[in-house]
Amino acid sequence: MLAEALTVPPASRGPQRLDAVLVADPDPENRRRLAALLGQRARECDEVGSGNELERRLFGGDTYDLIVCRALLDGYSGLSALARARVEGCGTGFIVYSSLASPWLRVFLSDGRATILSSRVVPFGSLPDLAAGLVAAAHRPVSRGATP
């Protein structure tokens, strides 16, 4: 089930750590806020300011557990990057968000098995747990006949 797939691992197993996250947003302040928040779970947070930079990093050989990007980016949109990643066979998890204008985010989630798994509104502060749960779900094997 989708809700099960996006559940953060139990606290008794310790927090899920991410090796590397790429944050893409045209606003430097938004990138800073996101990198600081995601740094709670990620060893490394790289930042880029445009869709073209996102595309260069994603398809240029850099490896990330997760891409967190704004839907509207200069040059190449976050949703376009997600679509191309799936066409190219890239299974990196994506969280594409619409805006950081309020304490709530509209996010679109993809764990690499489907283009869009879920669309939901979440509190900004829950992003690290959502990211960790999404990456953990992406690494969980799926049995034949399982319903995503």
C-alpha atoms as a PDB file:
ATOM      1  CA  MET A   1       0.000   0.000   0.000  1.00  0.00           C
ATOM      2  CA  LEU A   2       1.134   3.545  -0.703  1.00  0.00           C
ATOM      3  CA  ALA A   3       0.750   4.692   2.913  1.00  0.00           C
ATOM      4  CA  GLU A   4       2.899   1.751   4.003  1.00  0.00           C
ATOM      5  CA  ALA A   5       5.531   2.469   1.356  1.00  0.00           C
ATOM      6  CA  LEU A   6       5.995   6.035   2.588  1.00  0.00           C
ATOM      7  CA  THR A   7       6.177   5.262   6.296  1.00  0.00           C
ATOM      8  CA  VAL A   8       9.367   6.396   7.984  1.00  0.00           C
ATOM      9  CA  PRO A   9      11.321   3.497   9.549  1.00  0.00           C
ATOM     10  CA  PRO A  10      10.572   2.990  13.279  1.00  0.00           C
ATOM     11  CA  ALA A  11      12.596   5.131  15.675  1.00  0.00           C
ATOM     12  CA  SER A  12      13.961   1.993  17.358  1.00  0.00           C
ATOM     13  CA  ARG A  13      15.949   1.297  14.187  1.00  0.00           C
ATOM     14  CA  GLY A  14      17.364   4.817  14.264  1.00  0.00           C
ATOM     15  CA  PRO A  15      16.756   7.607  11.799  1.00  0.00           C
ATOM     16  CA  GLN A  16      17.188   6.787   8.129  1.00  0.00           C
ATOM     17  CA  ARG A  17      20.291   8.636   6.947  1.00  0.00           C
ATOM     18  CA  LEU A  18      20.618   9.829   3.392  1.00  0.00           C
ATOM     19  CA  ASP A  19      24.027  10.057   1.763  1.00  0.00           C
ATOM     20  CA  ALA A  20      23.400  12.861  -0.706  1.00  0.00           C
ATOM     21  CA  VAL A  21      20.473  15.112  -1.579  1.00  0.00           C
ATOM     22  CA  LEU A  22      20.286  17.650  -4.397  1.00  0.00           C
ATOM     23  CA  VAL A  23      18.118  20.725  -3.768  1.00  0.00           C
ATOM     24  CA  ALA A  24      17.017  22.823  -6.771  1.00  0.00           C
ATOM     25  CA  ASP A  25      15.274  26.168  -6.365  1.00  0.00           C
ATOM     26  CA  PRO A  26      15.868  29.507  -8.108  1.00  0.00           C
ATOM     27  CA  ASP A  27      15.703  31.385  -4.779  1.00  0.00           C
ATOM     28  CA  PRO A  28      18.962  31.151  -2.749  1.00  0.00           C
ATOM     29  CA  GLU A  29      17.070  31.629   0.541  1.00  0.00           C
ATOM     30  CA  ASN A  30      14.738  28.718  -0.269  1.00  0.00           C
ATOM     31  CA  ARG A  31      17.724  26.525  -1.137  1.00  0.00           C
ATOM     32  CA  ARG A  32      19.391  27.461   2.146  1.00  0.00           C
ATOM     33  CA  ARG A  33      16.236  26.691   4.166  1.00  0.00           C
ATOM     34  CA  LEU A  34      15.729  23.347   2.429  1.00  0.00           C
ATOM     35  CA  ALA A  35      19.380  22.310   2.725  1.00  0.00           C
ATOM     36  CA  ALA A  36      19.389  23.190   6.433  1.00  0.00           C
ATOM     37  CA  LEU A  37      16.204  21.204   7.040  1.00  0.00           C
ATOM     38  CA  LEU A  38      17.251  18.189   4.968  1.00  0.00           C
ATOM     39  CA  GLY A  39      20.677  18.272   6.609  1.00  0.00           C
ATOM     40  CA  GLN A  40      18.955  16.702   9.634  1.00  0.00           C
ATOM     41  CA  ARG A  41      18.910  13.435   7.660  1.00  0.00           C
ATOM     42  CA  ALA A  42      21.427  13.910   4.848  1.00  0.00           C
ATOM     43  CA  ARG A  43      25.186  13.686   5.079  1.00  0.00           C
ATOM     44  CA  GLU A  44      25.520  16.041   2.102  1.00  0.00           C
ATOM     45  CA  CYS A  45      23.126  18.563   0.508  1.00  0.00           C
ATOM     46  CA  ASP A  46      24.124  20.053  -2.825  1.00  0.00           C
ATOM     47  CA  GLU A  47      22.275  23.085  -4.157  1.00  0.00           C
ATOM     48  CA  VAL A  48      21.534  24.328  -7.668  1.00  0.00           C
ATOM     49  CA  GLY A  49      19.554  27.355  -8.840  1.00  0.00           C
ATOM     50  CA  SER A  50      18.147  26.314 -12.214  1.00  0.00           C
ATOM     51  CA  GLY A  51      16.622  23.418 -14.081  1.00  0.00           C
ATOM     52  CA  ASN A  52      19.593  23.332 -16.428  1.00  0.00           C
ATOM     53  CA  GLU A  53      21.974  22.913 -13.455  1.00  0.00           C
ATOM     54  CA  LEU A  54      19.677  20.212 -12.051  1.00  0.00           C
ATOM     55  CA  GLU A  55      19.793  18.364 -15.378  1.00  0.00           C
ATOM     56  CA  ARG A  56      23.617  18.627 -15.583  1.00  0.00           C
ATOM     57  CA  ARG A  57      24.008  17.190 -12.071  1.00  0.00           C
ATOM     58  CA  LEU A  58      21.401  14.477 -12.496  1.00  0.00           C
ATOM     59  CA  PHE A  59      22.646  13.243 -15.869  1.00  0.00           C
ATOM     60  CA  GLY A  60      26.304  14.224 -15.515  1.00  0.00           C
ATOM     61  CA  GLY A  61      27.415  11.389 -13.276  1.00  0.00           C
ATOM     62  CA  ASP A  62      26.674  12.756  -9.784  1.00  0.00           C
ATOM     63  CA  THR A  63      24.799  10.283  -7.570  1.00  0.00           C
ATOM     64  CA  TYR A  64      22.022  11.306  -5.182  1.00  0.00           C
ATOM     65  CA  ASP A  65      19.606   9.427  -2.927  1.00  0.00           C
ATOM     66  CA  LEU A  66      17.011  12.105  -3.487  1.00  0.00           C
ATOM     67  CA  ILE A  67      16.261  15.174  -5.587  1.00  0.00           C
ATOM     68  CA  VAL A  68      14.184  17.897  -3.916  1.00  0.00           C
ATOM     69  CA  CYS A  69      13.208  20.529  -6.452  1.00  0.00           C
ATOM     70  CA  ARG A  70      10.719  23.245  -7.161  1.00  0.00           C
ATOM     71  CA  ALA A  71       8.200  22.460  -9.887  1.00  0.00           C
ATOM     72  CA  LEU A  72       8.981  25.714 -11.706  1.00  0.00           C
ATOM     73  CA  LEU A  73      12.668  26.216 -12.364  1.00  0.00           C
ATOM     74  CA  ASP A  74      14.458  28.444 -14.839  1.00  0.00           C
ATOM     75  CA  GLY A  75      15.295  26.602 -18.048  1.00  0.00           C
ATOM     76  CA  TYR A  76      14.114  23.077 -17.263  1.00  0.00           C
ATOM     77  CA  SER A  77      11.234  22.428 -14.859  1.00  0.00           C
ATOM     78  CA  GLY A  78      11.430  20.064 -11.916  1.00  0.00           C
ATOM     79  CA  LEU A  79       8.605  17.979 -13.361  1.00  0.00           C
ATOM     80  CA  SER A  80      10.403  17.785 -16.719  1.00  0.00           C
ATOM     81  CA  ALA A  81      13.551  16.597 -14.936  1.00  0.00           C
ATOM     82  CA  LEU A  82      11.513  13.924 -13.157  1.00  0.00           C
ATOM     83  CA  ALA A  83       9.916  12.767 -16.421  1.00  0.00           C
ATOM     84  CA  ARG A  84      13.279  12.605 -18.203  1.00  0.00           C
ATOM     85  CA  ALA A  85      14.854  10.742 -15.272  1.00  0.00           C
ATOM     86  CA  ARG A  86      12.215   8.032 -15.534  1.00  0.00           C
ATOM     87  CA  VAL A  87      12.550   7.788 -19.328  1.00  0.00           C
ATOM     88  CA  GLU A  88      16.344   7.427 -18.905  1.00  0.00           C
ATOM     89  CA  GLY A  89      15.841   4.677 -16.292  1.00  0.00           C
ATOM     90  CA  CYS A  90      17.060   6.759 -13.351  1.00  0.00           C
ATOM     91  CA  GLY A  91      15.497   5.472 -10.115  1.00  0.00           C
ATOM     92  CA  THR A  92      16.521   8.379  -7.867  1.00  0.00           C
ATOM     93  CA  GLY A  93      13.704   9.493  -5.576  1.00  0.00           C
ATOM     94  CA  PHE A  94      12.131  12.881  -6.251  1.00  0.00           C
ATOM     95  CA  ILE A  95      10.173  15.320  -4.154  1.00  0.00           C
ATOM     96  CA  VAL A  96       8.863  18.090  -6.395  1.00  0.00           C
ATOM     97  CA  TYR A  97       7.215  20.983  -4.541  1.00  0.00           C
ATOM     98  CA  SER A  98       5.181  23.920  -5.735  1.00  0.00           C
ATOM     99  CA  SER A  99       6.145  26.709  -3.330  1.00  0.00           C
ATOM    100  CA  LEU A 100       7.703  27.598   0.022  1.00  0.00           C
ATOM    101  CA  ALA A 101       5.444  30.609   0.547  1.00  0.00           C
ATOM    102  CA  SER A 102       3.714  29.158   3.605  1.00  0.00           C
ATOM    103  CA  PRO A 103       4.468  26.630   6.334  1.00  0.00           C
ATOM    104  CA  TRP A 104       2.783  24.029   4.085  1.00  0.00           C
ATOM    105  CA  LEU A 105       4.163  22.394   0.950  1.00  0.00           C
ATOM    106  CA  ARG A 106       2.305  20.799  -1.947  1.00  0.00           C
ATOM    107  CA  VAL A 107       4.600  17.906  -2.877  1.00  0.00           C
ATOM    108  CA  PHE A 108       4.668  15.301  -5.609  1.00  0.00           C
ATOM    109  CA  LEU A 109       6.547  12.133  -4.659  1.00  0.00           C
ATOM    110  CA  SER A 110       8.276   9.587  -6.871  1.00  0.00           C
ATOM    111  CA  ASP A 111      10.386   6.687  -5.586  1.00  0.00           C
ATOM    112  CA  GLY A 112      11.647   5.501  -8.963  1.00  0.00           C
ATOM    113  CA  ARG A 113       8.989   2.868  -9.586  1.00  0.00           C
ATOM    114  CA  ALA A 114       6.449   5.331 -10.988  1.00  0.00           C
ATOM    115  CA  THR A 115       6.488   8.883 -12.286  1.00  0.00           C
ATOM    116  CA  ILE A 116       4.209  10.243  -9.531  1.00  0.00           C
ATOM    117  CA  LEU A 117       3.368   8.116  -6.501  1.00  0.00           C
ATOM    118  CA  SER A 118       1.507  10.640  -4.479  1.00  0.00           C
ATOM    119  CA  SER A 119       0.515  14.269  -4.291  1.00  0.00           C
ATOM    120  CA  ARG A 120      -0.129  15.747  -0.877  1.00  0.00           C
ATOM    121  CA  VAL A 121       0.110  18.835   1.296  1.00  0.00           C
ATOM    122  CA  VAL A 122       2.577  18.494   4.168  1.00  0.00           C
ATOM    123  CA  PRO A 123       4.026  20.766   6.853  1.00  0.00           C
ATOM    124  CA  PHE A 124       7.417  22.188   5.841  1.00  0.00           C
ATOM    125  CA  GLY A 125       9.072  20.717   8.957  1.00  0.00           C
ATOM    126  CA  SER A 126       8.042  17.162   8.037  1.00  0.00           C
ATOM    127  CA  LEU A 127      10.210  17.156   4.900  1.00  0.00           C
ATOM    128  CA  PRO A 128      13.190  15.265   6.451  1.00  0.00           C
ATOM    129  CA  ASP A 129      10.947  12.396   7.611  1.00  0.00           C
ATOM    130  CA  LEU A 130       9.128  12.314   4.281  1.00  0.00           C
ATOM    131  CA  ALA A 131      12.466  12.229   2.434  1.00  0.00           C
ATOM    132  CA  ALA A 132      13.819   9.405   4.591  1.00  0.00           C
ATOM    133  CA  GLY A 133      10.630   7.375   4.211  1.00  0.00           C
ATOM    134  CA  LEU A 134      10.610   7.846   0.446  1.00  0.00           C
ATOM    135  CA  VAL A 135      14.223   6.701   0.082  1.00  0.00           C
ATOM    136  CA  ALA A 136      13.643   3.734   2.424  1.00  0.00           C
ATOM    137  CA  ALA A 137      10.602   2.705   0.344  1.00  0.00           C
ATOM    138  CA  ALA A 138      12.657   2.919  -2.852  1.00  0.00           C
ATOM    139  CA  HIS A 139      15.173   0.433  -1.454  1.00  0.00           C
ATOM    140  CA  ARG A 140      12.540  -2.069  -0.273  1.00  0.00           C
ATOM    141  CA  PRO A 141      12.148  -5.007  -2.683  1.00  0.00           C
ATOM    142  CA  VAL A 142       8.772  -5.422  -4.377  1.00  0.00           C
ATOM    143  CA  SER A 143       7.385  -8.940  -4.811  1.00  0.00           C
ATOM    144  CA  ARG A 144       5.609  -9.998  -7.991  1.00  0.00           C
ATOM    145  CA  GLY A 145       1.964  -9.157  -7.982  1.00  0.00           C
ATOM    146  CA  ALA A 146       2.395  -6.580  -5.233  1.00  0.00           C
ATOM    147  CA  THR A 147       0.192  -3.530  -5.487  1.00  0.00           C
ATOM    148  CA  PRO A 148       2.154  -0.272  -5.230  1.00  0.00           C
END
